[in-house]
Every structure is written in structure tokens, then in C-alpha cells.
């Protein structure tokens, strides 16, 4: 299942450039595996009722909101990027990692969630 998620991510490495931790412009295997781990984590956490999801809109990050709201946004904008707050007391804190919503949906399907 990790291989399936990794293969899906590798189809468009530009879309996970926020995982380039050393900012060298090249996503190495560890950085890609971090994106896979994050996709799996977010897929599992999407089943919770928390309101801590973000999407990236024209003016920057928008949210926090529920997963259902993310699903609604994604159906309107299939190329939307999402992130998640960690229940931080400051919801305006900028998210570090962003994934295409379609990757998290793919991970949910691969994990049977």
C-alpha cells in the first residue's frame, strides 16, 4: 500500500515541493517517504470530526474547517492543496506541508478508510 501511495506521489513531484526539507530543489527518497507518511496520517485523521483542515486558496491558506468541507471544496476544485493544523492555539499559523487533496483521497482508498 505504501508503494501505491508513493507511486501516486511520484507522478507529480512538483506538487509536494513543501516536503523539500533541505531546500535544495530536489526531493530525495526520505523527503518523498515523509510525504507518503503524511498522506497516510492525514487519510486516517480525516475520519475524525475535528475542524482543523486547511486548503490553499487564491489568497493563501483558508480554514480551519472540517473534512466534509474539504471534500466539498475538492469536488469544486479537484487540484486543491490541503494541510492540517495540529490544534495549535493560533489557527492563523502558516502550515508547512501541503499535499494535493487527491493524494490524501488516494491514500484513504488504498488504506480502505
C-alpha atoms as a PDB file:
ATOM      1  CA  UNK A   1       0.000   0.000   0.000  1.00  0.00           C
ATOM      2  CA  UNK A   2       2.876   2.398   0.732  1.00  0.00           C
ATOM      3  CA  UNK A   3       4.219   1.586  -2.721  1.00  0.00           C
ATOM      4  CA  UNK A   4       0.893   2.547  -4.297  1.00  0.00           C
ATOM      5  CA  UNK A   5       0.795   5.868  -2.460  1.00  0.00           C
ATOM      6  CA  UNK A   6       4.443   6.566  -3.279  1.00  0.00           C
ATOM      7  CA  UNK A   7       3.849   5.778  -6.954  1.00  0.00           C
ATOM      8  CA  UNK A   8       0.911   8.199  -6.998  1.00  0.00           C
ATOM      9  CA  UNK A   9       3.032  10.928  -5.369  1.00  0.00           C
ATOM     10  CA  UNK A  10       5.923  10.336  -7.774  1.00  0.00           C
ATOM     11  CA  UNK A  11       3.628  11.096 -10.726  1.00  0.00           C
ATOM     12  CA  UNK A  12       3.896  14.788  -9.835  1.00  0.00           C
ATOM     13  CA  UNK A  13       6.811  15.559  -7.525  1.00  0.00           C
ATOM     14  CA  UNK A  14       6.419  19.296  -8.076  1.00  0.00           C
ATOM     15  CA  UNK A  15       3.164  19.100  -6.126  1.00  0.00           C
ATOM     16  CA  UNK A  16       4.979  18.066  -2.937  1.00  0.00           C
ATOM     17  CA  UNK A  17       7.791  20.610  -3.029  1.00  0.00           C
ATOM     18  CA  UNK A  18       6.899  21.755   0.513  1.00  0.00           C
ATOM     19  CA  UNK A  19       8.456  18.462   1.656  1.00  0.00           C
ATOM     20  CA  UNK A  20      11.885  19.546   0.342  1.00  0.00           C
ATOM     21  CA  UNK A  21      13.270  19.932   3.854  1.00  0.00           C
ATOM     22  CA  UNK A  22      16.808  20.931   2.883  1.00  0.00           C
ATOM     23  CA  UNK A  23      15.513  23.346   0.205  1.00  0.00           C
ATOM     24  CA  UNK A  24      17.898  22.013  -2.458  1.00  0.00           C
ATOM     25  CA  UNK A  25      15.182  21.812  -5.114  1.00  0.00           C
ATOM     26  CA  UNK A  26      15.463  18.024  -5.288  1.00  0.00           C
ATOM     27  CA  UNK A  27      13.119  15.667  -3.472  1.00  0.00           C
ATOM     28  CA  UNK A  28      15.179  12.763  -2.172  1.00  0.00           C
ATOM     29  CA  UNK A  29      13.763   9.396  -1.128  1.00  0.00           C
ATOM     30  CA  UNK A  30      13.461  10.386   2.555  1.00  0.00           C
ATOM     31  CA  UNK A  31      11.504  13.521   1.685  1.00  0.00           C
ATOM     32  CA  UNK A  32       9.198  11.521  -0.573  1.00  0.00           C
ATOM     33  CA  UNK A  33       8.693   8.942   2.182  1.00  0.00           C
ATOM     34  CA  UNK A  34       7.804  11.801   4.550  1.00  0.00           C
ATOM     35  CA  UNK A  35       5.097  12.853   2.092  1.00  0.00           C
ATOM     36  CA  UNK A  36       3.824   9.259   1.944  1.00  0.00           C
ATOM     37  CA  UNK A  37       3.710   9.116   5.747  1.00  0.00           C
ATOM     38  CA  UNK A  38       1.895  12.440   5.925  1.00  0.00           C
ATOM     39  CA  UNK A  39      -0.647  11.319   3.304  1.00  0.00           C
ATOM     40  CA  UNK A  40      -1.342   8.143   5.301  1.00  0.00           C
ATOM     41  CA  UNK A  41      -1.623  10.062   8.572  1.00  0.00           C
ATOM     42  CA  UNK A  42      -3.991  12.642   7.110  1.00  0.00           C
ATOM     43  CA  UNK A  43      -6.053   9.895   5.470  1.00  0.00           C
ATOM     44  CA  UNK A  44      -6.515   8.232   8.854  1.00  0.00           C
ATOM     45  CA  UNK A  45      -7.205  11.539  10.605  1.00  0.00           C
ATOM     46  CA  UNK A  46      -9.814  12.529   8.026  1.00  0.00           C
ATOM     47  CA  UNK A  47     -12.257  10.196   9.775  1.00  0.00           C
ATOM     48  CA  UNK A  48     -12.248  12.380  12.881  1.00  0.00           C
ATOM     49  CA  UNK A  49     -14.753  15.174  13.368  1.00  0.00           C
ATOM     50  CA  UNK A  50     -12.121  17.817  14.161  1.00  0.00           C
ATOM     51  CA  UNK A  51     -12.212  21.189  12.489  1.00  0.00           C
ATOM     52  CA  UNK A  52      -8.506  21.513  11.736  1.00  0.00           C
ATOM     53  CA  UNK A  53      -8.176  21.195   7.957  1.00  0.00           C
ATOM     54  CA  UNK A  54      -6.939  23.931   5.646  1.00  0.00           C
ATOM     55  CA  UNK A  55      -6.973  24.446   1.926  1.00  0.00           C
ATOM     56  CA  UNK A  56      -4.835  26.757  -0.151  1.00  0.00           C
ATOM     57  CA  UNK A  57      -6.918  29.344  -1.958  1.00  0.00           C
ATOM     58  CA  UNK A  58      -6.123  32.357  -4.103  1.00  0.00           C
ATOM     59  CA  UNK A  59      -5.244  34.432  -1.039  1.00  0.00           C
ATOM     60  CA  UNK A  60      -3.346  31.781   0.922  1.00  0.00           C
ATOM     61  CA  UNK A  61      -4.489  29.265   3.480  1.00  0.00           C
ATOM     62  CA  UNK A  62      -8.178  29.072   4.327  1.00  0.00           C
ATOM     63  CA  UNK A  63      -9.625  27.403   7.399  1.00  0.00           C
ATOM     64  CA  UNK A  64      -9.705  25.686   9.765  1.00  0.00           C
ATOM     65  CA  UNK A  65     -12.621  23.562   8.594  1.00  0.00           C
ATOM     66  CA  UNK A  66     -13.979  20.027   8.781  1.00  0.00           C
ATOM     67  CA  UNK A  67     -13.013  17.174   6.481  1.00  0.00           C
ATOM     68  CA  UNK A  68     -16.516  17.291   4.971  1.00  0.00           C
ATOM     69  CA  UNK A  69     -15.865  20.912   3.981  1.00  0.00           C
ATOM     70  CA  UNK A  70     -12.546  19.840   2.431  1.00  0.00           C
ATOM     71  CA  UNK A  71     -14.390  17.173   0.416  1.00  0.00           C
ATOM     72  CA  UNK A  72     -16.843  19.830  -0.801  1.00  0.00           C
ATOM     73  CA  UNK A  73     -14.028  22.217  -1.790  1.00  0.00           C
ATOM     74  CA  UNK A  74     -12.167  19.402  -3.533  1.00  0.00           C
ATOM     75  CA  UNK A  75     -15.216  18.441  -5.567  1.00  0.00           C
ATOM     76  CA  UNK A  76     -15.389  22.030  -6.854  1.00  0.00           C
ATOM     77  CA  UNK A  77     -11.612  22.427  -7.235  1.00  0.00           C
ATOM     78  CA  UNK A  78     -10.026  18.997  -7.918  1.00  0.00           C
ATOM     79  CA  UNK A  79      -6.480  20.400  -7.911  1.00  0.00           C
ATOM     80  CA  UNK A  80      -6.783  21.970  -4.445  1.00  0.00           C
ATOM     81  CA  UNK A  81      -3.970  21.572  -1.934  1.00  0.00           C
ATOM     82  CA  UNK A  82      -4.731  20.803   1.697  1.00  0.00           C
ATOM     83  CA  UNK A  83      -2.975  20.852   5.028  1.00  0.00           C
ATOM     84  CA  UNK A  84      -3.848  20.312   8.647  1.00  0.00           C
ATOM     85  CA  UNK A  85      -3.386  22.322  11.804  1.00  0.00           C
ATOM     86  CA  UNK A  86      -2.227  20.481  14.873  1.00  0.00           C
ATOM     87  CA  UNK A  87      -4.849  22.034  17.160  1.00  0.00           C
ATOM     88  CA  UNK A  88      -2.497  24.964  17.528  1.00  0.00           C
ATOM     89  CA  UNK A  89      -3.871  27.815  19.633  1.00  0.00           C
ATOM     90  CA  UNK A  90      -3.146  30.189  16.747  1.00  0.00           C
ATOM     91  CA  UNK A  91      -5.169  28.965  13.736  1.00  0.00           C
ATOM     92  CA  UNK A  92      -3.538  31.639  11.557  1.00  0.00           C
ATOM     93  CA  UNK A  93      -0.124  29.988  11.917  1.00  0.00           C
ATOM     94  CA  UNK A  94       1.091  29.138   8.414  1.00  0.00           C
ATOM     95  CA  UNK A  95       1.025  25.458   7.509  1.00  0.00           C
ATOM     96  CA  UNK A  96       4.361  23.969   6.474  1.00  0.00           C
ATOM     97  CA  UNK A  97       3.383  20.957   4.377  1.00  0.00           C
ATOM     98  CA  UNK A  98       0.729  20.880   1.682  1.00  0.00           C
ATOM     99  CA  UNK A  99      -0.494  17.911  -0.325  1.00  0.00           C
ATOM    100  CA  UNK A 100      -2.861  17.739  -3.257  1.00  0.00           C
ATOM    101  CA  UNK A 101      -6.203  16.635  -1.805  1.00  0.00           C
ATOM    102  CA  UNK A 102      -6.320  13.916  -4.467  1.00  0.00           C
ATOM    103  CA  UNK A 103      -3.263  12.267  -2.854  1.00  0.00           C
ATOM    104  CA  UNK A 104      -4.997  12.081   0.529  1.00  0.00           C
ATOM    105  CA  UNK A 105      -8.159  10.719  -1.124  1.00  0.00           C
ATOM    106  CA  UNK A 106      -5.980   8.144  -2.899  1.00  0.00           C
ATOM    107  CA  UNK A 107      -4.354   7.182   0.424  1.00  0.00           C
ATOM    108  CA  UNK A 108      -7.790   6.811   2.054  1.00  0.00           C
ATOM    109  CA  UNK A 109      -8.814   4.430  -0.710  1.00  0.00           C
ATOM    110  CA  UNK A 110      -5.527   2.482  -0.537  1.00  0.00           C
ATOM    111  CA  UNK A 111      -5.884   2.154   3.241  1.00  0.00           C
ATOM    112  CA  UNK A 112      -9.579   1.217   2.957  1.00  0.00           C
ATOM    113  CA  UNK A 113     -10.616   4.148   5.169  1.00  0.00           C
END
